Amino acid sequence: TQLWIKDKKEELLNLINIIYKYLIIIMIPFVSLFILFSKEILLYLFGPAYLPGTLPLQIILSSIMFSGLAAINISMLTSMDHSKSAGKFMIYATLINAVLNLALIPSYGMIGAAISTSIAYLATFVMSYNTIQKINTSTRASVSFPLVRLTALFILTAIPLFWILTNPITALTSKCIYAFTMIIIYCLVIALLRLFTYHELKSIITSFRT
């Protein structure tokens, strides 16, 4: 908010771009691990009766990233004195979720509810992102992120995760070894794609301190 009030729009947008990137980088492995161990999590926390909720949980987890990015956008719109737009998007997302629930739950149950929630997250992100871009058309900087490299990172993570979900490993020890190996590979890919820099991380920490 202070950056916007002081008319430091480029500095604010550059900071948001960095936060976007690092949020995606951090969330990909965490979401992947939760998806991978979703069955074990439900079994441990709630018992065998909740195992049918494994697939719905995985669907919702796959859209958590959009929820996080949308939350950043909503906060940014509020700081830009566009709280009405932020409120409208929340209402639209609720309506989308409600309509899709009515359409999908009778036929697909929990899976339909998970799909509805995921679409609502995605819709909130798209609407808020487009609005922020329109607001900043007069600014040289814009909200963006290294799409190609992040897409490559996502694909390289999604392929092995999809393989293990379609070829289930039942032994927990084997899953843990697989997850540990994938984390190491993930870190190496980040280094190769040069998605992490100390300067950017330092700027985030400095901005939050001030």
Protein backbone atom coordinates (compact mmCIF):
# COMPACT_ATOMS: atom_id res chain seq x y z
CA THR A 1 0.00 0.00 0.00
CA GLN A 2 2.81 2.42 0.91
CA LEU A 3 4.51 1.86 -2.45
CA TRP A 4 1.27 2.61 -4.31
CA ILE A 5 0.54 5.73 -2.24
CA LYS A 6 4.07 6.98 -2.87
CA ASP A 7 3.50 6.38 -6.62
CA LYS A 8 6.24 3.76 -6.77
CA LYS A 9 4.19 1.60 -9.13
CA GLU A 10 7.10 0.04 -10.95
CA GLU A 11 8.76 -0.96 -7.70
CA LEU A 12 5.50 -2.49 -6.45
CA LEU A 13 4.88 -4.44 -9.65
CA ASN A 14 8.46 -5.71 -9.76
CA LEU A 15 8.06 -6.92 -6.18
CA ILE A 16 4.79 -8.67 -7.08
CA ASN A 17 6.49 -10.35 -10.04
CA ILE A 18 9.17 -11.74 -7.75
CA ILE A 19 6.59 -12.92 -5.21
CA TYR A 20 4.63 -14.59 -8.03
CA LYS A 21 7.67 -16.50 -9.17
CA TYR A 22 8.82 -17.66 -5.75
CA LEU A 23 5.31 -18.61 -4.67
CA ILE A 24 5.05 -20.90 -7.70
CA ILE A 25 8.53 -22.34 -7.13
CA ILE A 26 7.77 -23.08 -3.47
CA MET A 27 4.24 -24.38 -3.97
CA ILE A 28 5.01 -26.86 -6.77
CA PRO A 29 6.99 -29.29 -4.56
CA PHE A 30 4.73 -28.86 -1.53
CA VAL A 31 1.55 -29.45 -3.54
CA SER A 32 3.18 -32.39 -5.32
CA LEU A 33 4.14 -33.99 -2.00
CA PHE A 34 0.65 -33.56 -0.60
CA ILE A 35 -0.84 -35.06 -3.76
CA LEU A 36 1.62 -37.95 -3.62
CA PHE A 37 0.87 -38.70 0.04
CA SER A 38 -2.81 -37.66 0.03
CA LYS A 39 -4.00 -41.22 0.70
CA GLU A 40 -1.66 -41.62 3.66
CA ILE A 41 -2.63 -38.20 5.04
CA LEU A 42 -6.35 -39.01 4.97
CA LEU A 43 -5.73 -42.46 6.43
CA TYR A 44 -3.61 -41.11 9.28
CA LEU A 45 -5.76 -38.08 10.16
CA PHE A 46 -9.28 -39.40 9.59
CA GLY A 47 -9.15 -43.16 9.10
CA PRO A 48 -10.11 -45.62 6.32
CA ALA A 49 -13.65 -44.24 6.03
CA TYR A 50 -12.28 -41.08 4.37
CA LEU A 51 -10.14 -42.79 1.72
CA PRO A 52 -12.79 -42.18 -1.01
CA GLY A 53 -11.89 -38.51 -0.62
CA THR A 54 -8.38 -39.08 -1.98
CA LEU A 55 -9.14 -38.04 -5.57
CA PRO A 56 -11.20 -34.96 -4.62
CA LEU A 57 -8.38 -33.87 -2.30
CA GLN A 58 -5.85 -34.29 -5.11
CA ILE A 59 -8.02 -32.22 -7.46
CA ILE A 60 -8.31 -29.36 -4.96
CA LEU A 61 -4.59 -29.50 -4.17
CA SER A 62 -3.78 -29.16 -7.87
CA SER A 63 -5.57 -25.78 -7.91
CA ILE A 64 -4.13 -24.42 -4.66
CA MET A 65 -1.48 -22.50 -6.61
CA PHE A 66 -4.19 -20.47 -8.38
CA SER A 67 -5.78 -19.77 -5.00
CA GLY A 68 -2.47 -18.43 -3.68
CA LEU A 69 -1.88 -16.24 -6.73
CA ALA A 70 -5.45 -14.97 -6.59
CA ALA A 71 -4.98 -14.04 -2.92
CA ILE A 72 -1.93 -11.96 -3.90
CA ASN A 73 -3.94 -10.26 -6.65
CA ILE A 74 -6.83 -9.47 -4.31
CA SER A 75 -4.44 -7.95 -1.77
CA MET A 76 -2.80 -5.95 -4.53
CA LEU A 77 -6.14 -4.62 -5.81
CA THR A 78 -7.04 -3.57 -2.27
CA SER A 79 -3.73 -1.74 -1.90
CA MET A 80 -4.41 0.02 -5.23
CA ASP A 81 -7.72 1.35 -3.87
CA HIS A 82 -9.72 -1.08 -6.00
CA SER A 83 -11.32 -2.96 -3.13
CA LYS A 84 -14.70 -2.92 -4.93
CA SER A 85 -13.22 -4.94 -7.79
CA ALA A 86 -11.68 -7.36 -5.30
CA GLY A 87 -15.05 -7.78 -3.60
CA LYS A 88 -16.80 -8.36 -6.93
CA PHE A 89 -14.35 -11.11 -7.87
CA MET A 90 -14.95 -12.88 -4.57
CA ILE A 91 -18.70 -12.72 -5.18
CA TYR A 92 -18.30 -13.96 -8.76
CA ALA A 93 -16.14 -16.86 -7.57
CA THR A 94 -18.76 -17.81 -4.98
CA LEU A 95 -21.50 -17.75 -7.61
CA ILE A 96 -19.41 -19.83 -10.04
CA ASN A 97 -18.72 -22.35 -7.30
CA ALA A 98 -22.40 -22.52 -6.30
CA VAL A 99 -23.66 -22.98 -9.88
CA LEU A 100 -21.08 -25.65 -10.67
CA ASN A 101 -21.85 -27.43 -7.41
CA LEU A 102 -25.51 -27.63 -8.38
CA ALA A 103 -24.53 -28.96 -11.80
CA LEU A 104 -21.79 -31.42 -10.84
CA ILE A 105 -22.44 -32.72 -7.32
CA PRO A 106 -25.63 -34.68 -8.15
CA SER A 107 -23.72 -36.73 -10.75
CA TYR A 108 -20.13 -36.74 -9.44
CA GLY A 109 -20.41 -36.15 -5.68
CA MET A 110 -17.20 -35.12 -3.93
CA ILE A 111 -15.28 -35.10 -7.20
CA GLY A 112 -17.77 -32.62 -8.66
CA ALA A 113 -17.42 -30.38 -5.61
CA ALA A 114 -13.63 -30.47 -5.92
CA ILE A 115 -13.80 -29.57 -9.61
CA SER A 116 -16.17 -26.67 -8.84
CA THR A 117 -13.84 -25.28 -6.20
CA SER A 118 -10.83 -25.60 -8.49
CA ILE A 119 -12.58 -23.75 -11.33
CA ALA A 120 -13.62 -20.99 -8.91
CA TYR A 121 -9.98 -20.58 -7.81
CA LEU A 122 -8.85 -20.38 -11.43
CA ALA A 123 -11.61 -17.88 -12.33
CA THR A 124 -10.67 -15.61 -9.41
CA PHE A 125 -7.04 -15.62 -10.50
CA VAL A 126 -7.84 -14.86 -14.16
CA MET A 127 -10.28 -12.03 -13.35
CA SER A 128 -8.01 -10.38 -10.80
CA TYR A 129 -4.91 -10.76 -12.98
CA ASN A 130 -6.59 -9.19 -16.02
CA THR A 131 -7.87 -6.28 -13.93
CA ILE A 132 -4.43 -5.55 -12.49
CA GLN A 133 -2.97 -5.54 -16.00
CA LYS A 134 -5.64 -3.06 -17.15
CA ILE A 135 -4.99 -0.79 -14.18
CA ASN A 136 -1.30 -0.70 -14.99
CA THR A 137 -1.50 -0.12 -18.74
CA SER A 138 0.12 3.29 -18.24
CA THR A 139 3.00 1.82 -16.25
CA ARG A 140 6.14 0.54 -17.95
CA ALA A 141 6.27 -2.44 -15.59
CA SER A 142 3.55 -5.06 -15.52
CA VAL A 143 2.57 -8.13 -13.57
CA SER A 144 4.33 -11.03 -15.25
CA PHE A 145 6.67 -13.94 -14.55
CA PRO A 146 9.09 -16.17 -16.51
CA LEU A 147 6.27 -18.24 -18.01
CA VAL A 148 8.38 -20.48 -20.26
CA ARG A 149 10.82 -21.51 -17.54
CA LEU A 150 8.09 -21.98 -14.93
CA THR A 151 6.05 -24.03 -17.41
CA ALA A 152 9.09 -26.21 -18.06
CA LEU A 153 9.54 -26.62 -14.31
CA PHE A 154 5.87 -27.55 -13.88
CA ILE A 155 5.96 -30.11 -16.72
CA LEU A 156 9.15 -31.72 -15.41
CA THR A 157 7.44 -32.07 -12.03
CA ALA A 158 4.04 -33.15 -13.34
CA ILE A 159 5.28 -35.99 -15.57
CA PRO A 160 6.86 -38.14 -12.83
CA LEU A 161 4.01 -37.27 -10.45
CA PHE A 162 1.43 -38.38 -13.03
CA TRP A 163 3.39 -41.58 -13.61
CA ILE A 164 3.44 -42.52 -9.94
CA LEU A 165 -0.26 -41.72 -9.54
CA THR A 166 -1.16 -43.94 -12.49
CA ASN A 167 1.29 -46.64 -11.38
CA PRO A 168 0.74 -46.56 -7.61
CA ILE A 169 3.58 -47.41 -5.26
CA THR A 170 2.01 -49.00 -2.20
CA ALA A 171 5.05 -49.18 0.07
CA LEU A 172 5.46 -45.99 2.10
CA THR A 173 9.25 -46.37 2.19
CA SER A 174 9.42 -46.54 -1.61
CA LYS A 175 7.23 -43.43 -1.86
CA CYS A 176 9.50 -41.54 0.52
CA ILE A 177 12.61 -42.50 -1.47
CA TYR A 178 10.87 -41.48 -4.69
CA ALA A 179 9.80 -38.13 -3.17
CA PHE A 180 13.30 -37.42 -1.83
CA THR A 181 14.82 -38.16 -5.25
CA MET A 182 12.32 -35.89 -6.99
CA ILE A 183 13.07 -33.04 -4.57
CA ILE A 184 16.78 -33.27 -5.38
CA ILE A 185 16.04 -33.31 -9.13
CA TYR A 186 13.63 -30.38 -8.66
CA CYS A 187 16.32 -28.29 -6.97
CA LEU A 188 18.79 -29.12 -9.73
CA VAL A 189 16.27 -28.09 -12.41
CA ILE A 190 15.66 -24.76 -10.62
CA ALA A 191 19.41 -24.16 -10.61
CA LEU A 192 19.74 -25.07 -14.30
CA LEU A 193 16.82 -22.82 -15.30
CA ARG A 194 18.27 -20.00 -13.14
CA LEU A 195 14.93 -19.32 -11.47
CA PHE A 196 16.45 -18.48 -8.10
CA THR A 197 18.63 -15.47 -7.37
CA TYR A 198 19.91 -14.20 -4.05
CA HIS A 199 19.26 -10.57 -5.08
CA GLU A 200 15.52 -11.21 -5.64
CA LEU A 201 15.16 -13.09 -2.37
CA LYS A 202 16.93 -10.29 -0.53
CA SER A 203 14.63 -7.68 -2.09
CA ILE A 204 11.56 -9.59 -0.87
CA ILE A 205 12.89 -9.77 2.68
CA THR A 206 13.86 -6.09 2.64
CA SER A 207 10.44 -5.01 1.33
CA PHE A 208 8.57 -6.90 4.04
CA ARG A 209 10.83 -5.46 6.74
CA THR A 210 10.13 -1.93 5.59
